[in-house]
Structure formats: structure tokens, C-alpha cells
């Protein structure tokens, strides 16, 4: 039988957000397929459990989210409370979820999210239900290196999170820079024995085909060569440097360069506020600037197709004719 990997999807299974972390987490679940056992920490149950149908549906949902927050419907909360405290309603003992600690049939644990303080406090119980390696993914140390561009709650939480990673058997960093940042921090703390950290560079999404006619491939090349659209896909937040991008666009527009700037991405209300104000100011001035907010994958594919430069479109036609 293939190994069973417990996959912690505590946050991702309760939000429709499609930030970079959520895309990585969902892609891992898809890649692992039947080998993955998706689980979450249920704060209302007070323990870990397998995902329910509505949570699995969240993972597959295509609708963009208005925020990154986790959503727990009242019905789901009541169901967990009953399992936790209601005698006779569940075969589970109070405080126990769907994962039996006595059955160590789980071969590995993968924690691909930035877990919260509450989830971190329960990770020991989850690790005890795994007989093989326990691995976490580490994304970056921007909260330490650029705290002024990071939400204050994240900055306050981050040092504890970095120390909680020490309890894992290994860490997969998404780049060599991330790996070195984590090791440097542990070294600065004076940690003598730390788990191994390996740099495993993130892959990329395969090219997305638009379902809308005339928005991708050769059909896109029929648009006017004078129409140029620059596309930026990213959460709107301080560390993504949108202010510099918008300043550059404004200078080019002032010089008479003709192009449209299109932005796609969920806005972080604290660190993205200045960029949102700049976007609104440029739009009031009549600049060709479009901000769509979060979008679904079909819209993203269409936007990507429309953003091809004239040179790229000519190459596409030449390649298609061979």
C-alpha cells in the first residue's frame, strides 16, 4: 500500500483565498492524491480530525474570496461541540477527534501552512499519531527582515512560529535564501541541535487555457499591436512593492507611453492600504489602470492571455506555423 501522509489543511480548508501559500497547499494535496489524508485542527472539537465534505468542497471551490480569514459555519461548530461535550452523540471521547492515537497507521506528516498559535499548541498530539517523518514547509522570513511591510499580528507571532518549527523532523524551505534565513535565526538564538533544513524550490503552475473565445492563444494575436497590457498577479500588500510599480507606470504614462496596467490579487487591509489609495488616485486621474481584486482561475487565464506582448504573440504565430 502507498504511504499515508497526514496533510494539515487547518486554514486552507476553511477559506477560498488563493494566495501563494494556499495555492502551494492545494497543489500538494492534488499531487499526493490518495496518499494524502487531509486533516485539520478543530478548535470547537478540541482535537484533530479528518476533513468533512464541506471542507473538502472548500478546497475545490473556484470562487475568489474577499478575505483570507477562516470560515466556520455555525452548523459545523455545533456539530463539533456536540461531539466534544454531548454524551451519547458521538463514539469519540470528549476532546478526541477522528484520528485515533492508538492506530499509528499514518506514515508521515506534512504541515504546509503557517500555523496559528492555537494550532501549534495541538501539533504535538498530531505528531504522536505518525510513525514516520514529520515535515513542515517554510516560506520566508520577511516578517523578521521587513517588519514594517508585514501585518503587525504576523510580526508578533513569527518568532514563536520559528521556534515551533524546531519540533519537526525536517523543514522544506521554498528557496535557498529561505533556508539560510531560518538557519541563521536559529543560530542567533543559540540553538545547538536543529532539524535539517532542505531547500526545495517551488514549481510553477502549468499554463492555464482560457475558456473564453478570443482571449488566449492565436486569437489573442488578432488584437491591435498597439494594445499593450501589463499584468501583475499578487496580493496587494506592502512587501510586494506595488507602490514602486505604480510610480513607474505613472512616469511612463506622463512620458506618453501607451499601455494598460492590470492588477489582480487580494488586498491586505493593513499593509496594502497605501497601494490601494494610489490605485484609486491614478484611476481618478484617468490613467489606464485596472484593479480586479481576487479572481477565479478562468479569469486569471484570460488575463494572462491578454497580457502577451506583440513580440510574444508574433513568436506564437511563427511557432504555430511550423
Protein backbone atom coordinates (compact mmCIF):
# COMPACT_ATOMS: atom_id res chain seq x y z
CA UNK A 1 0.00 0.00 0.00
CA UNK A 2 1.24 3.54 -0.70
CA UNK A 3 2.27 5.55 2.37
CA UNK A 4 -0.36 7.66 4.09
CA UNK A 5 0.62 11.28 4.63
CA UNK A 6 -1.30 13.35 7.15
CA UNK A 7 -1.70 16.73 5.48
CA UNK A 8 -2.53 19.63 7.79
CA UNK A 9 -5.08 21.80 5.97
CA UNK A 10 -6.47 23.59 9.01
CA UNK A 11 -6.60 27.05 7.42
CA UNK A 12 -6.79 26.27 3.71
CA UNK A 13 -9.85 24.04 4.10
CA UNK A 14 -11.74 26.94 5.70
CA UNK A 15 -11.03 29.72 3.21
CA UNK A 16 -11.47 30.28 -0.51
CA UNK A 17 -8.45 32.58 -0.64
CA UNK A 18 -5.91 31.83 -3.39
CA UNK A 19 -2.78 33.45 -2.00
CA UNK A 20 0.59 31.90 -2.77
CA UNK A 21 0.56 29.69 0.33
CA UNK A 22 -2.95 28.43 -0.38
CA UNK A 23 -2.02 27.57 -3.96
CA UNK A 24 1.00 25.59 -2.74
CA UNK A 25 -1.10 23.77 -0.16
CA UNK A 26 -3.85 22.86 -2.61
CA UNK A 27 -1.32 21.74 -5.21
CA UNK A 28 0.37 19.46 -2.68
CA UNK A 29 -2.96 17.84 -1.88
CA UNK A 30 -3.64 17.28 -5.57
CA UNK A 31 -0.16 15.88 -6.19
CA UNK A 32 -0.32 13.47 -3.25
CA UNK A 33 -3.71 12.20 -4.35
CA UNK A 34 -4.86 9.08 -2.50
CA UNK A 35 -1.70 9.07 -0.40
CA UNK A 36 -2.81 12.24 1.41
CA UNK A 37 -5.08 12.12 4.44
CA UNK A 38 -6.25 15.74 4.81
CA UNK A 39 -6.86 16.75 8.41
CA UNK A 40 -7.50 19.90 10.41
CA UNK A 41 -7.40 21.07 13.97
CA UNK A 42 -10.98 21.75 15.04
CA UNK A 43 -10.97 24.27 17.90
CA UNK A 44 -14.61 23.52 18.70
CA UNK A 45 -13.91 19.81 18.97
CA UNK A 46 -10.62 20.49 20.73
CA UNK A 47 -8.74 17.94 18.64
CA UNK A 48 -7.64 16.90 15.18
CA UNK A 49 -9.99 15.19 12.74
CA UNK A 50 -10.39 14.21 9.12
CA UNK A 51 -11.88 16.84 6.83
CA UNK A 52 -15.62 16.77 6.32
CA UNK A 53 -17.40 17.11 2.99
CA UNK A 54 -17.95 20.86 3.22
CA UNK A 55 -14.27 21.42 3.94
CA UNK A 56 -13.20 19.26 1.00
CA UNK A 57 -15.58 21.32 -1.15
CA UNK A 58 -13.81 24.49 0.03
CA UNK A 59 -10.53 23.08 -1.27
CA UNK A 60 -12.05 22.59 -4.71
CA UNK A 61 -14.01 25.86 -4.81
CA UNK A 62 -13.20 28.23 -7.67
CA UNK A 63 -14.92 31.38 -6.37
CA UNK A 64 -12.43 34.03 -5.20
CA UNK A 65 -12.51 35.03 -1.54
CA UNK A 66 -12.95 38.56 -0.25
CA UNK A 67 -10.51 37.95 2.60
CA UNK A 68 -8.04 35.36 3.90
CA UNK A 69 -9.90 34.60 7.12
CA UNK A 70 -11.08 31.13 8.07
CA UNK A 71 -14.83 30.45 7.99
CA UNK A 72 -16.53 28.00 10.38
CA UNK A 73 -20.29 27.84 9.77
CA UNK A 74 -22.48 27.67 12.87
CA UNK A 75 -23.72 24.20 11.94
CA UNK A 76 -20.14 22.89 11.86
CA UNK A 77 -19.37 24.47 15.22
CA UNK A 78 -22.46 22.93 16.81
CA UNK A 79 -21.61 19.51 15.41
CA UNK A 80 -18.12 19.68 16.92
CA UNK A 81 -19.39 20.96 20.26
CA UNK A 82 -21.83 18.05 20.42
CA UNK A 83 -19.06 15.56 19.67
CA UNK A 84 -16.91 17.12 22.35
CA UNK A 85 -19.39 17.57 25.17
CA UNK A 86 -22.61 15.78 24.24
CA UNK A 87 -22.77 12.35 25.88
CA UNK A 88 -24.32 9.77 23.62
CA UNK A 89 -23.95 11.84 20.45
CA UNK A 90 -20.54 10.50 19.46
CA UNK A 91 -18.39 7.43 19.94
CA UNK A 92 -15.39 9.73 20.45
CA UNK A 93 -14.32 10.54 23.96
CA UNK A 94 -14.53 14.21 24.95
CA UNK A 95 -11.67 16.08 23.34
CA UNK A 96 -10.93 13.34 20.79
CA UNK A 97 -11.41 13.77 17.07
CA UNK A 98 -11.47 11.43 14.11
CA UNK A 99 -7.80 10.50 14.41
CA UNK A 100 -7.21 7.56 16.72
CA UNK A 101 -3.96 7.94 18.63
CA UNK A 102 -3.81 4.19 19.15
CA UNK A 103 -3.71 3.49 15.43
CA UNK A 104 -0.35 4.70 14.16
CA UNK A 105 -1.17 3.89 10.58
CA UNK A 106 -0.03 7.25 9.29
CA UNK A 107 3.40 7.08 7.69
CA UNK A 108 4.27 10.79 7.62
CA UNK A 109 3.07 14.28 8.47
CA UNK A 110 3.32 17.29 6.20
CA UNK A 111 2.49 20.74 7.61
CA UNK A 112 2.46 23.14 4.62
CA UNK A 113 0.72 26.08 6.30
CA UNK A 114 1.82 28.89 8.60
CA UNK A 115 0.00 27.50 11.60
CA UNK A 116 -1.61 29.68 14.26
CA UNK A 117 -0.72 29.68 17.94
CA UNK A 118 -3.77 27.55 18.77
CA UNK A 119 -2.95 25.02 16.07
CA UNK A 120 0.68 24.94 17.15
CA UNK A 121 -0.38 24.04 20.68
CA UNK A 122 -2.10 20.94 19.34
CA UNK A 123 0.59 19.82 16.88
CA UNK A 124 2.21 17.57 19.48
CA UNK A 125 -0.91 15.39 19.51
CA UNK A 126 -0.86 15.17 15.73
CA UNK A 127 2.82 14.27 15.61
CA UNK A 128 2.15 11.46 18.10
CA UNK A 129 -0.19 9.85 15.58
CA UNK A 130 2.51 9.49 12.96
CA UNK A 131 5.12 6.76 12.90
CA UNK A 132 7.31 8.31 10.21
CA UNK A 133 8.89 11.70 9.45
CA UNK A 134 7.17 14.93 10.38
CA UNK A 135 7.97 17.75 7.96
CA UNK A 136 6.94 21.41 7.78
CA UNK A 137 7.25 23.84 4.86
CA UNK A 138 8.97 27.18 5.49
CA UNK A 139 8.23 30.02 3.08
CA UNK A 140 10.23 33.09 4.08
CA UNK A 141 11.41 35.30 6.94
CA UNK A 142 10.02 38.57 5.59
CA UNK A 143 8.16 39.18 8.86
CA UNK A 144 11.57 39.39 10.56
CA UNK A 145 13.53 41.11 7.83
CA UNK A 146 10.88 43.66 6.80
CA UNK A 147 8.52 44.05 9.77
CA UNK A 148 7.41 47.47 8.56
CA UNK A 149 5.88 45.82 5.48
CA UNK A 150 4.23 42.96 7.36
CA UNK A 151 0.92 42.90 9.29
CA UNK A 152 1.59 43.61 12.96
CA UNK A 153 -0.10 40.41 14.13
CA UNK A 154 2.17 38.35 11.89
CA UNK A 155 5.25 40.16 13.19
CA UNK A 156 4.23 39.48 16.79
CA UNK A 157 3.52 35.81 16.12
CA UNK A 158 6.52 35.00 13.92
CA UNK A 159 9.33 34.41 16.48
CA UNK A 160 7.21 31.79 18.26
CA UNK A 161 6.40 30.14 14.94
CA UNK A 162 10.09 29.84 14.06
CA UNK A 163 10.80 28.15 17.38
CA UNK A 164 7.83 25.80 16.97
CA UNK A 165 9.38 24.55 13.73
CA UNK A 166 12.16 23.00 15.85
CA UNK A 167 9.76 20.23 16.91
CA UNK A 168 9.63 18.80 13.36
CA UNK A 169 11.97 16.14 11.99
CA UNK A 170 12.79 18.25 8.96
CA UNK A 171 11.95 21.50 7.22
CA UNK A 172 11.43 22.03 3.48
CA UNK A 173 12.32 25.64 2.62
CA UNK A 174 11.00 27.02 -0.66
CA UNK A 175 14.34 28.57 -1.62
CA UNK A 176 17.99 28.62 -0.57
CA UNK A 177 17.50 32.15 0.75
CA UNK A 178 14.62 30.99 2.96
CA UNK A 179 16.68 28.04 4.17
CA UNK A 180 19.59 30.26 5.14
CA UNK A 181 17.32 32.79 6.86
CA UNK A 182 15.83 30.10 9.07
CA UNK A 183 19.19 28.57 9.94
CA UNK A 184 20.65 32.00 10.69
CA UNK A 185 17.80 32.79 13.06
CA UNK A 186 18.18 29.51 14.93
CA UNK A 187 21.92 30.08 15.12
CA UNK A 188 21.30 33.58 16.51
CA UNK A 189 19.07 32.02 19.20
CA UNK A 190 21.89 29.68 20.12
CA UNK A 191 20.05 26.51 19.08
CA UNK A 192 22.57 23.70 19.23
CA UNK A 193 20.52 20.89 17.71
CA UNK A 194 18.08 21.83 14.96
CA UNK A 195 16.26 19.67 12.41
CA UNK A 196 17.71 19.50 8.90
CA UNK A 197 16.51 22.18 6.50
CA UNK A 198 16.46 21.39 2.78
CA UNK A 199 15.83 23.92 0.01
CA UNK A 200 13.17 22.53 -2.30
CA UNK A 201 12.40 25.22 -4.84
CA UNK A 202 8.74 25.75 -5.61
CA UNK A 203 7.46 24.72 -9.01
CA UNK A 204 5.15 26.73 -11.22
CA UNK A 205 1.55 26.32 -12.25
CA UNK A 206 1.13 24.82 -15.73
CA UNK A 207 -0.13 27.24 -18.40
CA UNK A 208 -3.84 27.86 -17.98
CA UNK A 209 -6.10 27.81 -21.00
CA UNK A 210 -8.88 30.35 -21.07
CA UNK A 211 -12.42 29.12 -21.70
CA UNK A 212 -13.35 32.45 -23.25
CA UNK A 213 -13.01 32.64 -27.04
CA UNK A 214 -10.59 35.21 -28.33
CA UNK A 215 -8.75 35.59 -25.04
CA UNK A 216 -5.83 33.20 -25.44
CA UNK A 217 -3.53 31.60 -27.97
CA UNK A 218 -3.69 32.68 -31.60
CA UNK A 219 -6.98 34.51 -31.21
CA UNK A 220 -5.31 36.95 -28.80
CA UNK A 221 -2.81 37.84 -31.52
CA UNK A 222 -5.57 39.36 -33.64
CA UNK A 223 -5.85 42.31 -31.28
CA UNK A 224 -4.23 45.57 -32.25
CA UNK A 225 -0.43 45.58 -31.95
CA UNK A 226 -0.79 49.00 -30.31
CA UNK A 227 -2.72 47.48 -27.39
CA UNK A 228 -0.34 46.52 -24.60
CA UNK A 229 -1.44 45.26 -21.22
CA UNK A 230 0.93 44.74 -18.33
CA UNK A 231 -0.32 42.21 -15.80
CA UNK A 232 0.68 41.93 -12.15
CA UNK A 233 -0.76 38.98 -10.19
CA UNK A 234 -0.04 39.30 -6.49
CA UNK A 235 -1.67 40.05 -3.17
CA UNK A 236 -1.76 43.81 -2.64
CA UNK A 237 0.47 44.25 0.40
CA UNK A 238 3.46 46.31 1.43
CA UNK A 239 6.14 43.69 0.85
CA UNK A 240 5.09 43.17 -2.78
CA UNK A 241 6.25 46.71 -3.65
CA UNK A 242 3.21 47.85 -5.63
CA UNK A 243 3.96 51.49 -4.85
CA UNK A 244 7.20 51.30 -6.85
CA UNK A 245 5.37 49.60 -9.70
CA UNK A 246 2.63 52.23 -9.77
CA UNK A 247 5.16 55.08 -9.61
CA UNK A 248 6.99 53.61 -12.61
CA UNK A 249 3.73 53.31 -14.53
CA UNK A 250 2.83 56.90 -13.76
CA UNK A 251 6.18 58.12 -15.08
CA UNK A 252 5.75 56.15 -18.30
CA UNK A 253 2.21 57.45 -18.81
CA UNK A 254 3.47 61.00 -18.26
CA UNK A 255 6.05 60.43 -21.00
CA UNK A 256 3.30 59.34 -23.35
CA UNK A 257 3.88 55.59 -23.32
CA UNK A 258 0.63 53.81 -24.17
CA UNK A 259 -0.27 50.71 -22.17
CA UNK A 260 -2.79 49.44 -19.67
CA UNK A 261 -1.73 48.26 -16.21
CA UNK A 262 -3.89 45.47 -14.82
CA UNK A 263 -3.62 44.31 -11.21
CA UNK A 264 -5.11 41.09 -9.84
CA UNK A 265 -4.94 40.00 -6.24
CA UNK A 266 -6.48 40.07 -2.80
CA UNK A 267 -5.67 43.20 -0.78
CA UNK A 268 -4.15 43.04 2.70
CA UNK A 269 -6.09 45.78 4.54
CA UNK A 270 -3.21 46.93 6.76
CA UNK A 271 -0.06 46.89 4.64
CA UNK A 272 -1.81 47.28 1.29
CA UNK A 273 -3.69 50.45 2.17
CA UNK A 274 -1.20 52.86 0.59
CA UNK A 275 -1.18 50.91 -2.66
CA UNK A 276 -4.98 50.87 -2.76
CA UNK A 277 -5.04 54.64 -2.23
CA UNK A 278 -2.50 55.08 -5.05
CA UNK A 279 -4.60 52.89 -7.34
CA UNK A 280 -7.70 54.98 -6.61
CA UNK A 281 -5.77 58.22 -7.18
CA UNK A 282 -4.44 57.10 -10.57
CA UNK A 283 -7.88 55.90 -11.65
CA UNK A 284 -9.43 59.25 -10.70
CA UNK A 285 -6.75 60.91 -12.84
CA UNK A 286 -7.95 58.87 -15.81
CA UNK A 287 -4.91 56.61 -16.08
CA UNK A 288 -5.44 53.25 -17.84
CA UNK A 289 -5.20 51.27 -14.61
CA UNK A 290 -7.45 48.34 -13.83
CA UNK A 291 -7.68 46.57 -10.47
CA UNK A 292 -9.81 43.43 -10.40
CA UNK A 293 -9.20 42.25 -6.84
CA UNK A 294 -9.21 38.46 -6.36
CA UNK A 295 -10.41 36.43 -9.36
CA UNK A 296 -11.03 32.80 -10.24
CA UNK A 297 -8.62 30.73 -12.31
CA UNK A 298 -10.61 31.15 -15.52
CA UNK A 299 -10.40 34.93 -15.28
CA UNK A 300 -6.71 34.68 -14.45
CA UNK A 301 -6.11 32.56 -17.55
CA UNK A 302 -7.95 35.10 -19.68
CA UNK A 303 -5.93 37.97 -18.20
CA UNK A 304 -2.68 36.13 -18.80
CA UNK A 305 -3.59 35.56 -22.44
CA UNK A 306 -4.42 39.23 -22.95
CA UNK A 307 -1.15 40.36 -21.40
CA UNK A 308 1.06 38.84 -24.09
CA UNK A 309 3.35 41.36 -25.72
CA UNK A 310 3.34 41.89 -29.53
CA UNK A 311 6.74 40.18 -29.75
CA UNK A 312 5.48 37.13 -27.87
CA UNK A 313 2.37 36.97 -30.00
CA UNK A 314 4.42 37.03 -33.18
CA UNK A 315 6.57 34.24 -31.82
CA UNK A 316 3.44 32.27 -31.03
CA UNK A 317 2.19 32.63 -34.59
CA UNK A 318 5.55 31.67 -36.04
CA UNK A 319 5.78 28.64 -33.76
CA UNK A 320 2.26 27.56 -34.62
CA UNK A 321 3.01 27.72 -38.36
CA UNK A 322 5.92 25.27 -38.11
